Amino acid sequence: MKHYEIMAIYNIDLGEEGALNLSKEVKDLIISLDGKIVSDSFWGKRRFAYRIGLQEDGYYDVVQLDLDGAKMADLKSKLNGQDDLIRYLITALE
């Protein structure tokens, strides 16, 4: 298994409770792919450095995880299907 970090931005229209629920869905997705959540840090509402579409704010979430590299394509595919996930960045950690 490799160690990764995902920084995700959730739609501001969800509200904080909705963003927390989407964060839980993302973590459940990782676990369903036999991954392990190492740490999770929900940053809450933050203003963007630049506008993304019509959005100026979003809810930020940072998750560190262990996952088999072969399952990363499945994870990305399923994350791309999340409508209220505005952006995400996956970084491999040492």
N, C-alpha and C. Protein backbone atom coordinates (compact mmCIF):
# COMPACT_ATOMS: atom_id res chain seq x y z
N MET A 1 0.83 -1.19 0.00
CA MET A 1 0.00 0.00 0.00
C MET A 1 0.87 1.25 0.00
N LYS A 2 0.40 2.25 -0.68
CA LYS A 2 1.10 3.53 -0.71
C LYS A 2 0.34 4.54 0.15
N HIS A 3 1.06 5.57 0.56
CA HIS A 3 0.49 6.62 1.40
C HIS A 3 0.15 7.81 0.52
N TYR A 4 -1.09 8.30 0.61
CA TYR A 4 -1.57 9.41 -0.20
C TYR A 4 -2.24 10.46 0.67
N GLU A 5 -2.41 11.64 0.08
CA GLU A 5 -3.20 12.69 0.70
C GLU A 5 -4.16 13.23 -0.35
N ILE A 6 -5.41 13.39 0.05
CA ILE A 6 -6.43 13.98 -0.83
C ILE A 6 -6.87 15.28 -0.20
N MET A 7 -6.76 16.36 -0.98
CA MET A 7 -7.37 17.63 -0.57
C MET A 7 -8.60 17.80 -1.44
N ALA A 8 -9.76 17.92 -0.81
CA ALA A 8 -11.01 18.03 -1.55
C ALA A 8 -11.72 19.33 -1.18
N ILE A 9 -12.43 19.88 -2.17
CA ILE A 9 -13.25 21.07 -1.95
C ILE A 9 -14.69 20.71 -2.30
N TYR A 10 -15.58 20.90 -1.32
CA TYR A 10 -16.99 20.58 -1.50
C TYR A 10 -17.80 21.84 -1.75
N ASN A 11 -18.89 21.69 -2.47
CA ASN A 11 -19.77 22.79 -2.85
C ASN A 11 -20.30 23.51 -1.61
N ILE A 12 -20.24 24.83 -1.64
CA ILE A 12 -20.69 25.65 -0.52
C ILE A 12 -22.19 25.51 -0.29
N ASP A 13 -22.94 25.19 -1.34
CA ASP A 13 -24.39 25.07 -1.24
C ASP A 13 -24.82 23.89 -0.37
N LEU A 14 -23.92 22.97 -0.08
CA LEU A 14 -24.23 21.82 0.77
C LEU A 14 -24.47 22.24 2.22
N GLY A 15 -23.86 23.32 2.63
CA GLY A 15 -23.85 23.68 4.04
C GLY A 15 -22.83 22.81 4.75
N GLU A 16 -22.50 23.18 5.97
CA GLU A 16 -21.45 22.44 6.68
C GLU A 16 -21.85 20.98 6.93
N GLU A 17 -23.09 20.75 7.31
CA GLU A 17 -23.53 19.37 7.59
C GLU A 17 -23.48 18.52 6.31
N GLY A 18 -23.92 19.07 5.20
CA GLY A 18 -23.87 18.35 3.92
C GLY A 18 -22.44 18.07 3.49
N ALA A 19 -21.55 19.03 3.73
CA ALA A 19 -20.14 18.84 3.39
C ALA A 19 -19.52 17.73 4.25
N LEU A 20 -19.88 17.70 5.53
CA LEU A 20 -19.39 16.63 6.41
C LEU A 20 -19.91 15.28 5.96
N ASN A 21 -21.16 15.24 5.50
CA ASN A 21 -21.72 13.97 4.99
C ASN A 21 -21.00 13.52 3.73
N LEU A 22 -20.67 14.46 2.84
CA LEU A 22 -19.94 14.11 1.63
C LEU A 22 -18.53 13.65 1.98
N SER A 23 -17.93 14.28 2.98
CA SER A 23 -16.61 13.86 3.45
C SER A 23 -16.66 12.42 3.94
N LYS A 24 -17.72 12.07 4.67
CA LYS A 24 -17.89 10.69 5.15
C LYS A 24 -18.06 9.73 3.97
N GLU A 25 -18.80 10.15 2.94
CA GLU A 25 -18.97 9.31 1.74
C GLU A 25 -17.63 9.04 1.07
N VAL A 26 -16.79 10.06 0.98
CA VAL A 26 -15.47 9.90 0.37
C VAL A 26 -14.63 8.91 1.18
N LYS A 27 -14.66 9.05 2.51
CA LYS A 27 -13.90 8.13 3.36
C LYS A 27 -14.45 6.71 3.27
N ASP A 28 -15.79 6.57 3.19
CA ASP A 28 -16.39 5.24 3.02
C ASP A 28 -15.98 4.63 1.68
N LEU A 29 -15.86 5.46 0.67
CA LEU A 29 -15.41 4.99 -0.65
C LEU A 29 -13.99 4.45 -0.56
N ILE A 30 -13.13 5.16 0.13
CA ILE A 30 -11.74 4.71 0.30
C ILE A 30 -11.71 3.37 1.03
N ILE A 31 -12.50 3.24 2.07
CA ILE A 31 -12.55 1.99 2.84
C ILE A 31 -13.11 0.85 1.99
N SER A 32 -14.09 1.16 1.14
CA SER A 32 -14.67 0.12 0.28
C SER A 32 -13.66 -0.40 -0.75
N LEU A 33 -12.62 0.38 -1.03
CA LEU A 33 -11.56 -0.05 -1.93
C LEU A 33 -10.40 -0.68 -1.17
N ASP A 34 -10.66 -1.10 0.06
CA ASP A 34 -9.67 -1.72 0.95
C ASP A 34 -8.57 -0.76 1.36
N GLY A 35 -8.89 0.53 1.38
CA GLY A 35 -7.93 1.53 1.85
C GLY A 35 -8.09 1.75 3.33
N LYS A 36 -7.16 2.51 3.89
CA LYS A 36 -7.17 2.80 5.32
C LYS A 36 -7.02 4.31 5.50
N ILE A 37 -7.92 4.91 6.29
CA ILE A 37 -7.83 6.33 6.60
C ILE A 37 -6.80 6.51 7.71
N VAL A 38 -5.77 7.30 7.44
CA VAL A 38 -4.72 7.55 8.43
C VAL A 38 -5.09 8.77 9.27
N SER A 39 -5.52 9.83 8.62
CA SER A 39 -5.97 11.02 9.35
C SER A 39 -6.94 11.81 8.49
N ASP A 40 -7.73 12.64 9.14
CA ASP A 40 -8.72 13.45 8.44
C ASP A 40 -8.77 14.81 9.12
N SER A 41 -8.74 15.85 8.32
CA SER A 41 -8.81 17.21 8.85
C SER A 41 -9.80 18.01 8.02
N PHE A 42 -10.98 18.24 8.58
CA PHE A 42 -12.00 19.04 7.90
C PHE A 42 -11.73 20.49 8.24
N TRP A 43 -11.35 21.29 7.24
CA TRP A 43 -10.97 22.68 7.46
C TRP A 43 -12.16 23.62 7.54
N GLY A 44 -13.28 23.19 7.00
CA GLY A 44 -14.46 24.04 7.00
C GLY A 44 -14.48 25.01 5.82
N LYS A 45 -15.26 26.06 5.97
CA LYS A 45 -15.48 27.02 4.89
C LYS A 45 -14.27 27.93 4.71
N ARG A 46 -13.82 28.03 3.45
CA ARG A 46 -12.69 28.91 3.10
C ARG A 46 -13.01 29.63 1.80
N ARG A 47 -12.46 30.82 1.66
CA ARG A 47 -12.60 31.59 0.42
C ARG A 47 -11.53 31.12 -0.56
N PHE A 48 -11.92 31.01 -1.83
CA PHE A 48 -10.98 30.60 -2.88
C PHE A 48 -10.04 31.76 -3.22
N ALA A 49 -8.89 31.43 -3.72
CA ALA A 49 -7.96 32.44 -4.22
C ALA A 49 -8.50 33.07 -5.51
N TYR A 50 -9.27 32.28 -6.26
CA TYR A 50 -9.91 32.75 -7.48
C TYR A 50 -11.25 32.05 -7.61
N ARG A 51 -12.13 32.63 -8.36
CA ARG A 51 -13.48 32.08 -8.54
C ARG A 51 -13.41 30.77 -9.34
N ILE A 52 -14.18 29.79 -8.92
CA ILE A 52 -14.32 28.53 -9.66
C ILE A 52 -15.77 28.47 -10.13
N GLY A 53 -15.98 28.67 -11.41
CA GLY A 53 -17.34 28.80 -11.92
C GLY A 53 -17.97 30.03 -11.28
N LEU A 54 -19.10 29.85 -10.62
CA LEU A 54 -19.75 30.95 -9.91
C LEU A 54 -19.45 30.93 -8.41
N GLN A 55 -18.66 29.97 -7.98
CA GLN A 55 -18.37 29.79 -6.55
C GLN A 55 -17.17 30.63 -6.13
N GLU A 56 -17.28 31.23 -4.94
CA GLU A 56 -16.17 31.97 -4.34
C GLU A 56 -15.68 31.32 -3.05
N ASP A 57 -16.48 30.39 -2.51
CA ASP A 57 -16.16 29.71 -1.26
C ASP A 57 -16.42 28.22 -1.40
N GLY A 58 -15.82 27.44 -0.53
CA GLY A 58 -16.08 26.01 -0.49
C GLY A 58 -15.64 25.44 0.84
N TYR A 59 -15.99 24.19 1.07
CA TYR A 59 -15.58 23.49 2.29
C TYR A 59 -14.38 22.60 1.95
N TYR A 60 -13.31 22.79 2.69
CA TYR A 60 -12.07 22.07 2.45
C TYR A 60 -11.95 20.88 3.39
N ASP A 61 -11.39 19.80 2.86
CA ASP A 61 -11.19 18.58 3.63
C ASP A 61 -9.88 17.95 3.18
N VAL A 62 -9.04 17.55 4.13
CA VAL A 62 -7.77 16.90 3.82
C VAL A 62 -7.77 15.53 4.49
N VAL A 63 -7.58 14.48 3.67
CA VAL A 63 -7.59 13.10 4.16
C VAL A 63 -6.27 12.43 3.78
N GLN A 64 -5.59 11.86 4.76
CA GLN A 64 -4.41 11.03 4.47
C GLN A 64 -4.85 9.59 4.54
N LEU A 65 -4.38 8.80 3.58
CA LEU A 65 -4.84 7.42 3.48
C LEU A 65 -3.76 6.50 2.95
N ASP A 66 -3.95 5.23 3.17
CA ASP A 66 -3.13 4.18 2.57
C ASP A 66 -4.02 3.42 1.61
N LEU A 67 -3.53 3.23 0.38
CA LEU A 67 -4.32 2.55 -0.65
C LEU A 67 -3.39 1.88 -1.64
N ASP A 68 -3.80 0.72 -2.10
CA ASP A 68 -3.06 0.03 -3.15
C ASP A 68 -3.08 0.90 -4.41
N GLY A 69 -1.92 1.15 -4.99
CA GLY A 69 -1.81 2.01 -6.16
C GLY A 69 -2.65 1.54 -7.33
N ALA A 70 -2.89 0.24 -7.43
CA ALA A 70 -3.69 -0.30 -8.54
C ALA A 70 -5.16 0.13 -8.42
N LYS A 71 -5.60 0.51 -7.23
CA LYS A 71 -7.00 0.91 -7.03
C LYS A 71 -7.19 2.42 -7.14
N MET A 72 -6.12 3.15 -7.41
CA MET A 72 -6.21 4.60 -7.50
C MET A 72 -7.10 5.04 -8.67
N ALA A 73 -7.05 4.34 -9.78
CA ALA A 73 -7.89 4.68 -10.93
C ALA A 73 -9.37 4.54 -10.57
N ASP A 74 -9.73 3.50 -9.81
CA ASP A 74 -11.11 3.33 -9.35
C ASP A 74 -11.54 4.48 -8.45
N LEU A 75 -10.65 4.87 -7.54
CA LEU A 75 -10.96 5.97 -6.63
C LEU A 75 -11.19 7.26 -7.41
N LYS A 76 -10.30 7.57 -8.33
CA LYS A 76 -10.45 8.80 -9.12
C LYS A 76 -11.74 8.78 -9.94
N SER A 77 -12.06 7.65 -10.51
CA SER A 77 -13.28 7.53 -11.31
C SER A 77 -14.52 7.81 -10.46
N LYS A 78 -14.55 7.26 -9.26
CA LYS A 78 -15.70 7.45 -8.38
C LYS A 78 -15.75 8.88 -7.82
N LEU A 79 -14.60 9.47 -7.57
CA LEU A 79 -14.57 10.87 -7.11
C LEU A 79 -15.08 11.80 -8.22
N ASN A 80 -14.72 11.50 -9.46
CA ASN A 80 -15.18 12.32 -10.58
C ASN A 80 -16.70 12.27 -10.73
N GLY A 81 -17.34 11.24 -10.23
CA GLY A 81 -18.79 11.10 -10.31
C GLY A 81 -19.54 11.84 -9.21
N GLN A 82 -18.84 12.41 -8.26
CA GLN A 82 -19.47 13.16 -7.17
C GLN A 82 -19.79 14.57 -7.65
N ASP A 83 -21.07 14.90 -7.76
CA ASP A 83 -21.49 16.21 -8.28
C ASP A 83 -21.08 17.37 -7.39
N ASP A 84 -21.11 17.20 -6.09
CA ASP A 84 -20.82 18.31 -5.17
C ASP A 84 -19.36 18.39 -4.75
N LEU A 85 -18.52 17.60 -5.38
CA LEU A 85 -17.08 17.68 -5.16
C LEU A 85 -16.52 18.60 -6.25
N ILE A 86 -16.19 19.83 -5.87
CA ILE A 86 -15.78 20.83 -6.86
C ILE A 86 -14.41 20.50 -7.44
N ARG A 87 -13.45 20.26 -6.57
CA ARG A 87 -12.09 19.92 -6.99
C ARG A 87 -11.48 18.98 -5.97
N TYR A 88 -10.49 18.21 -6.45
CA TYR A 88 -9.70 17.41 -5.52
C TYR A 88 -8.30 17.26 -6.08
N LEU A 89 -7.35 17.04 -5.21
CA LEU A 89 -5.96 16.82 -5.58
C LEU A 89 -5.45 15.66 -4.77
N ILE A 90 -4.92 14.66 -5.45
CA ILE A 90 -4.34 13.51 -4.77
C ILE A 90 -2.83 13.59 -4.91
N THR A 91 -2.15 13.52 -3.78
CA THR A 91 -0.69 13.60 -3.75
C THR A 91 -0.14 12.35 -3.09
N ALA A 92 0.86 11.74 -3.72
CA ALA A 92 1.55 10.59 -3.12
C ALA A 92 2.56 11.11 -2.10
N LEU A 93 2.54 10.53 -0.92
CA LEU A 93 3.46 10.94 0.15
C LEU A 93 4.53 9.88 0.34
N GLU A 94 5.64 10.29 0.88
CA GLU A 94 6.73 9.35 1.14
C GLU A 94 6.46 8.56 2.39
